[in-house]
Amino acid sequence: MPLRESNLRGKYDVTIVSVKRETDGPQATFSYATPDTVLMYGDIVLVVGTIGDVERFANAQ
């Protein structure tokens, strides 16, 4: 599901700014997230929000 459809901002009040794909290997760099970005298992994300909101997002299942 693309980020635009995930409603992360509404649910957790956080914004995913960039993503680094595990599948791109150890030399991978972060790329800007767009509304069309689809998160995959193993992705590393750069998230912006308050500490509490980011922790709530990180602990969500």
PDB file of N, CA and C in Angstrom:
ATOM      1  N   MET A   1       0.841  -1.161   0.000  1.00  0.00           N
ATOM      2  CA  MET A   1       0.000   0.000   0.000  1.00  0.00           C
ATOM      3  C   MET A   1       0.899   1.240   0.000  1.00  0.00           C
ATOM      4  N   PRO A   2       0.649   2.177  -0.895  1.00  0.00           N
ATOM      5  CA  PRO A   2       1.439   3.411  -0.934  1.00  0.00           C
ATOM      6  C   PRO A   2       1.243   4.239   0.340  1.00  0.00           C
ATOM      7  N   LEU A   3       2.246   5.040   0.674  1.00  0.00           N
ATOM      8  CA  LEU A   3       2.156   5.874   1.874  1.00  0.00           C
ATOM      9  C   LEU A   3       0.905   6.745   1.862  1.00  0.00           C
ATOM     10  N   ARG A   4       0.508   7.238   0.687  1.00  0.00           N
ATOM     11  CA  ARG A   4      -0.669   8.109   0.612  1.00  0.00           C
ATOM     12  C   ARG A   4      -1.925   7.404   1.133  1.00  0.00           C
ATOM     13  N   GLU A   5      -1.981   6.090   1.017  1.00  0.00           N
ATOM     14  CA  GLU A   5      -3.156   5.341   1.451  1.00  0.00           C
ATOM     15  C   GLU A   5      -3.025   4.801   2.871  1.00  0.00           C
ATOM     16  N   SER A   6      -1.849   4.903   3.460  1.00  0.00           N
ATOM     17  CA  SER A   6      -1.610   4.292   4.770  1.00  0.00           C
ATOM     18  C   SER A   6      -2.133   5.114   5.937  1.00  0.00           C
ATOM     19  N   ASN A   7      -2.346   6.394   5.736  1.00  0.00           N
ATOM     20  CA  ASN A   7      -2.855   7.292   6.781  1.00  0.00           C
ATOM     21  C   ASN A   7      -1.963   7.305   8.028  1.00  0.00           C
ATOM     22  N   LEU A   8      -0.651   7.177   7.841  1.00  0.00           N
ATOM     23  CA  LEU A   8       0.265   7.192   8.987  1.00  0.00           C
ATOM     24  C   LEU A   8       0.212   8.519   9.733  1.00  0.00           C
ATOM     25  N   ARG A   9       0.052   9.598   8.997  1.00  0.00           N
ATOM     26  CA  ARG A   9      -0.028  10.903   9.644  1.00  0.00           C
ATOM     27  C   ARG A   9      -1.274  10.994  10.512  1.00  0.00           C
ATOM     28  N   GLY A  10      -2.358  10.460  10.034  1.00  0.00           N
ATOM     29  CA  GLY A  10      -3.597  10.482  10.802  1.00  0.00           C
ATOM     30  C   GLY A  10      -3.573   9.543  11.998  1.00  0.00           C
ATOM     31  N   LYS A  11      -2.977   8.369  11.833  1.00  0.00           N
ATOM     32  CA  LYS A  11      -2.940   7.374  12.909  1.00  0.00           C
ATOM     33  C   LYS A  11      -1.891   7.683  13.960  1.00  0.00           C
ATOM     34  N   TYR A  12      -0.702   8.103  13.514  1.00  0.00           N
ATOM     35  CA  TYR A  12       0.434   8.238  14.432  1.00  0.00           C
ATOM     36  C   TYR A  12       1.007   9.651  14.509  1.00  0.00           C
ATOM     37  N   ASP A  13       0.555  10.544  13.644  1.00  0.00           N
ATOM     38  CA  ASP A  13       1.060  11.917  13.586  1.00  0.00           C
ATOM     39  C   ASP A  13       2.562  11.946  13.304  1.00  0.00           C
ATOM     40  N   VAL A  14       3.015  11.083  12.391  1.00  0.00           N
ATOM     41  CA  VAL A  14       4.414  11.049  11.968  1.00  0.00           C
ATOM     42  C   VAL A  14       4.477  11.159  10.444  1.00  0.00           C
ATOM     43  N   THR A  15       5.645  11.543   9.961  1.00  0.00           N
ATOM     44  CA  THR A  15       5.890  11.627   8.527  1.00  0.00           C
ATOM     45  C   THR A  15       7.129  10.806   8.192  1.00  0.00           C
ATOM     46  N   ILE A  16       7.012   9.929   7.210  1.00  0.00           N
ATOM     47  CA  ILE A  16       8.173   9.183   6.727  1.00  0.00           C
ATOM     48  C   ILE A  16       8.847  10.051   5.673  1.00  0.00           C
ATOM     49  N   VAL A  17      10.086  10.425   5.956  1.00  0.00           N
ATOM     50  CA  VAL A  17      10.819  11.350   5.100  1.00  0.00           C
ATOM     51  C   VAL A  17      11.645  10.611   4.054  1.00  0.00           C
ATOM     52  N   SER A  18      12.301   9.535   4.465  1.00  0.00           N
ATOM     53  CA  SER A  18      13.130   8.797   3.518  1.00  0.00           C
ATOM     54  C   SER A  18      13.188   7.318   3.885  1.00  0.00           C
ATOM     55  N   VAL A  19      13.611   6.534   2.904  1.00  0.00           N
ATOM     56  CA  VAL A  19      13.632   5.074   3.041  1.00  0.00           C
ATOM     57  C   VAL A  19      14.952   4.542   2.494  1.00  0.00           C
ATOM     58  N   LYS A  20      15.503   3.560   3.196  1.00  0.00           N
ATOM     59  CA  LYS A  20      16.674   2.828   2.699  1.00  0.00           C
ATOM     60  C   LYS A  20      16.257   1.373   2.600  1.00  0.00           C
ATOM     61  N   ARG A  21      16.402   0.810   1.414  1.00  0.00           N
ATOM     62  CA  ARG A  21      15.980  -0.568   1.161  1.00  0.00           C
ATOM     63  C   ARG A  21      17.060  -1.557   1.562  1.00  0.00           C
ATOM     64  N   GLU A  22      16.670  -2.528   2.363  1.00  0.00           N
ATOM     65  CA  GLU A  22      17.592  -3.593   2.754  1.00  0.00           C
ATOM     66  C   GLU A  22      18.063  -4.364   1.525  1.00  0.00           C
ATOM     67  N   THR A  23      17.184  -4.506   0.548  1.00  0.00           N
ATOM     68  CA  THR A  23      17.506  -5.285  -0.649  1.00  0.00           C
ATOM     69  C   THR A  23      18.543  -4.599  -1.533  1.00  0.00           C
ATOM     70  N   ASP A  24      18.830  -3.305  -1.275  1.00  0.00           N
ATOM     71  CA  ASP A  24      19.824  -2.583  -2.072  1.00  0.00           C
ATOM     72  C   ASP A  24      21.245  -2.822  -1.587  1.00  0.00           C
ATOM     73  N   GLY A  25      21.403  -3.604  -0.517  1.00  0.00           N
ATOM     74  CA  GLY A  25      22.724  -3.979  -0.035  1.00  0.00           C
ATOM     75  C   GLY A  25      23.341  -2.972   0.921  1.00  0.00           C
ATOM     76  N   PRO A  26      24.543  -3.280   1.384  1.00  0.00           N
ATOM     77  CA  PRO A  26      25.183  -2.468   2.422  1.00  0.00           C
ATOM     78  C   PRO A  26      25.573  -1.067   1.959  1.00  0.00           C
ATOM     79  N   GLN A  27      25.698  -0.846   0.676  1.00  0.00           N
ATOM     80  CA  GLN A  27      26.063   0.478   0.163  1.00  0.00           C
ATOM     81  C   GLN A  27      24.843   1.336  -0.153  1.00  0.00           C
ATOM     82  N   ALA A  28      23.668   0.856   0.185  1.00  0.00           N
ATOM     83  CA  ALA A  28      22.437   1.586  -0.107  1.00  0.00           C
ATOM     84  C   ALA A  28      22.420   2.924   0.621  1.00  0.00           C
ATOM     85  N   THR A  29      21.769   3.883   0.006  1.00  0.00           N
ATOM     86  CA  THR A  29      21.594   5.195   0.625  1.00  0.00           C
ATOM     87  C   THR A  29      20.106   5.467   0.778  1.00  0.00           C
ATOM     88  N   PHE A  30      19.790   6.434   1.605  1.00  0.00           N
ATOM     89  CA  PHE A  30      18.397   6.816   1.789  1.00  0.00           C
ATOM     90  C   PHE A  30      17.904   7.562   0.554  1.00  0.00           C
ATOM     91  N   SER A  31      16.648   7.323   0.194  1.00  0.00           N
ATOM     92  CA  SER A  31      16.009   8.089  -0.873  1.00  0.00           C
ATOM     93  C   SER A  31      14.739   8.704  -0.308  1.00  0.00           C
ATOM     94  N   TYR A  32      14.369   9.850  -0.857  1.00  0.00           N
ATOM     95  CA  TYR A  32      13.183  10.541  -0.368  1.00  0.00           C
ATOM     96  C   TYR A  32      11.940   9.687  -0.552  1.00  0.00           C
ATOM     97  N   ALA A  33      11.109   9.657   0.463  1.00  0.00           N
ATOM     98  CA  ALA A  33       9.824   8.969   0.366  1.00  0.00           C
ATOM     99  C   ALA A  33       8.850   9.883  -0.366  1.00  0.00           C
ATOM    100  N   THR A  34       8.017   9.291  -1.181  1.00  0.00           N
ATOM    101  CA  THR A  34       6.973  10.026  -1.893  1.00  0.00           C
ATOM    102  C   THR A  34       5.627   9.425  -1.509  1.00  0.00           C
ATOM    103  N   PRO A  35       4.542  10.070  -1.876  1.00  0.00           N
ATOM    104  CA  PRO A  35       3.232   9.482  -1.591  1.00  0.00           C
ATOM    105  C   PRO A  35       3.049   8.105  -2.227  1.00  0.00           C
ATOM    106  N   ASP A  36       3.823   7.811  -3.277  1.00  0.00           N
ATOM    107  CA  ASP A  36       3.710   6.523  -3.961  1.00  0.00           C
ATOM    108  C   ASP A  36       4.653   5.459  -3.403  1.00  0.00           C
ATOM    109  N   THR A  37       5.492   5.810  -2.435  1.00  0.00           N
ATOM    110  CA  THR A  37       6.417   4.850  -1.840  1.00  0.00           C
ATOM    111  C   THR A  37       5.645   3.745  -1.130  1.00  0.00           C
ATOM    112  N   VAL A  38       6.044   2.513  -1.382  1.00  0.00           N
ATOM    113  CA  VAL A  38       5.464   1.350  -0.712  1.00  0.00           C
ATOM    114  C   VAL A  38       6.552   0.774   0.188  1.00  0.00           C
ATOM    115  N   LEU A  39       6.278   0.703   1.488  1.00  0.00           N
ATOM    116  CA  LEU A  39       7.255   0.157   2.423  1.00  0.00           C
ATOM    117  C   LEU A  39       7.302  -1.355   2.304  1.00  0.00           C
ATOM    118  N   MET A  40       8.520  -1.890   2.446  1.00  0.00           N
ATOM    119  CA  MET A  40       8.731  -3.325   2.357  1.00  0.00           C
ATOM    120  C   MET A  40       9.395  -3.810   3.634  1.00  0.00           C
ATOM    121  N   TYR A  41       9.225  -5.082   3.929  1.00  0.00           N
ATOM    122  CA  TYR A  41       9.867  -5.676   5.098  1.00  0.00           C
ATOM    123  C   TYR A  41      11.371  -5.452   4.994  1.00  0.00           C
ATOM    124  N   GLY A  42      11.973  -5.003   6.081  1.00  0.00           N
ATOM    125  CA  GLY A  42      13.408  -4.776   6.109  1.00  0.00           C
ATOM    126  C   GLY A  42      13.829  -3.358   5.773  1.00  0.00           C
ATOM    127  N   ASP A  43      12.886  -2.530   5.309  1.00  0.00           N
ATOM    128  CA  ASP A  43      13.217  -1.136   5.027  1.00  0.00           C
ATOM    129  C   ASP A  43      13.611  -0.418   6.309  1.00  0.00           C
ATOM    130  N   ILE A  44      14.528   0.514   6.175  1.00  0.00           N
ATOM    131  CA  ILE A  44      14.879   1.412   7.268  1.00  0.00           C
ATOM    132  C   ILE A  44      14.283   2.760   6.898  1.00  0.00           C
ATOM    133  N   VAL A  45      13.505   3.340   7.809  1.00  0.00           N
ATOM    134  CA  VAL A  45      12.821   4.591   7.500  1.00  0.00           C
ATOM    135  C   VAL A  45      13.293   5.708   8.412  1.00  0.00           C
ATOM    136  N   LEU A  46      13.341   6.907   7.864  1.00  0.00           N
ATOM    137  CA  LEU A  46      13.613   8.105   8.637  1.00  0.00           C
ATOM    138  C   LEU A  46      12.262   8.755   8.889  1.00  0.00           C
ATOM    139  N   VAL A  47      11.892   8.843  10.166  1.00  0.00           N
ATOM    140  CA  VAL A  47      10.558   9.298  10.558  1.00  0.00           C
ATOM    141  C   VAL A  47      10.675  10.596  11.345  1.00  0.00           C
ATOM    142  N   VAL A  48       9.782  11.532  11.077  1.00  0.00           N
ATOM    143  CA  VAL A  48       9.750  12.798  11.800  1.00  0.00           C
ATOM    144  C   VAL A  48       8.457  12.874  12.592  1.00  0.00           C
ATOM    145  N   GLY A  49       8.580  13.262  13.852  1.00  0.00           N
ATOM    146  CA  GLY A  49       7.433  13.435  14.738  1.00  0.00           C
ATOM    147  C   GLY A  49       7.940  13.658  16.148  1.00  0.00           C
ATOM    148  N   THR A  50       7.026  13.824  17.076  1.00  0.00           N
ATOM    149  CA  THR A  50       7.443  13.954  18.467  1.00  0.00           C
ATOM    150  C   THR A  50       7.990  12.610  18.939  1.00  0.00           C
ATOM    151  N   ILE A  51       8.753  12.640  20.006  1.00  0.00           N
ATOM    152  CA  ILE A  51       9.321  11.389  20.531  1.00  0.00           C
ATOM    153  C   ILE A  51       8.216  10.384  20.829  1.00  0.00           C
ATOM    154  N   GLY A  52       7.164  10.835  21.474  1.00  0.00           N
ATOM    155  CA  GLY A  52       6.064   9.937  21.816  1.00  0.00           C
ATOM    156  C   GLY A  52       5.389   9.348  20.593  1.00  0.00           C
ATOM    157  N   ASP A  53       5.153  10.181  19.574  1.00  0.00           N
ATOM    158  CA  ASP A  53       4.499   9.692  18.357  1.00  0.00           C
ATOM    159  C   ASP A  53       5.391   8.714  17.599  1.00  0.00           C
ATOM    160  N   VAL A  54       6.683   9.017  17.520  1.00  0.00           N
ATOM    161  CA  VAL A  54       7.609   8.116  16.828  1.00  0.00           C
ATOM    162  C   VAL A  54       7.704   6.786  17.566  1.00  0.00           C
ATOM    163  N   GLU A  55       7.748   6.816  18.884  1.00  0.00           N
ATOM    164  CA  GLU A  55       7.789   5.568  19.654  1.00  0.00           C
ATOM    165  C   GLU A  55       6.511   4.761  19.457  1.00  0.00           C
ATOM    166  N   ARG A  56       5.372   5.441  19.440  1.00  0.00           N
ATOM    167  CA  ARG A  56       4.097   4.749  19.222  1.00  0.00           C
ATOM    168  C   ARG A  56       4.082   4.105  17.837  1.00  0.00           C
ATOM    169  N   PHE A  57       4.579   4.818  16.833  1.00  0.00           N
ATOM    170  CA  PHE A  57       4.668   4.272  15.480  1.00  0.00           C
ATOM    171  C   PHE A  57       5.616   3.069  15.448  1.00  0.00           C
ATOM    172  N   ALA A  58       6.782   3.206  16.097  1.00  0.00           N
ATOM    173  CA  ALA A  58       7.782   2.134  16.092  1.00  0.00           C
ATOM    174  C   ALA A  58       7.270   0.873  16.773  1.00  0.00           C
ATOM    175  N   ASN A  59       6.400   1.022  17.746  1.00  0.00           N
ATOM    176  CA  ASN A  59       5.884  -0.127  18.490  1.00  0.00           C
ATOM    177  C   ASN A  59       4.588  -0.686  17.921  1.00  0.00           C
ATOM    178  N   ALA A  60       4.064  -0.066  16.874  1.00  0.00           N
ATOM    179  CA  ALA A  60       2.810  -0.532  16.264  1.00  0.00           C
ATOM    180  C   ALA A  60       3.039  -1.860  15.559  1.00  0.00           C
ATOM    181  N   GLN A  61       2.005  -2.673  15.525  1.00  0.00           N
ATOM    182  CA  GLN A  61       2.123  -3.972  14.874  1.00  0.00           C
ATOM    183  C   GLN A  61       1.354  -3.987  13.609  1.00  0.00           C
TER     184      GLN A  61
END
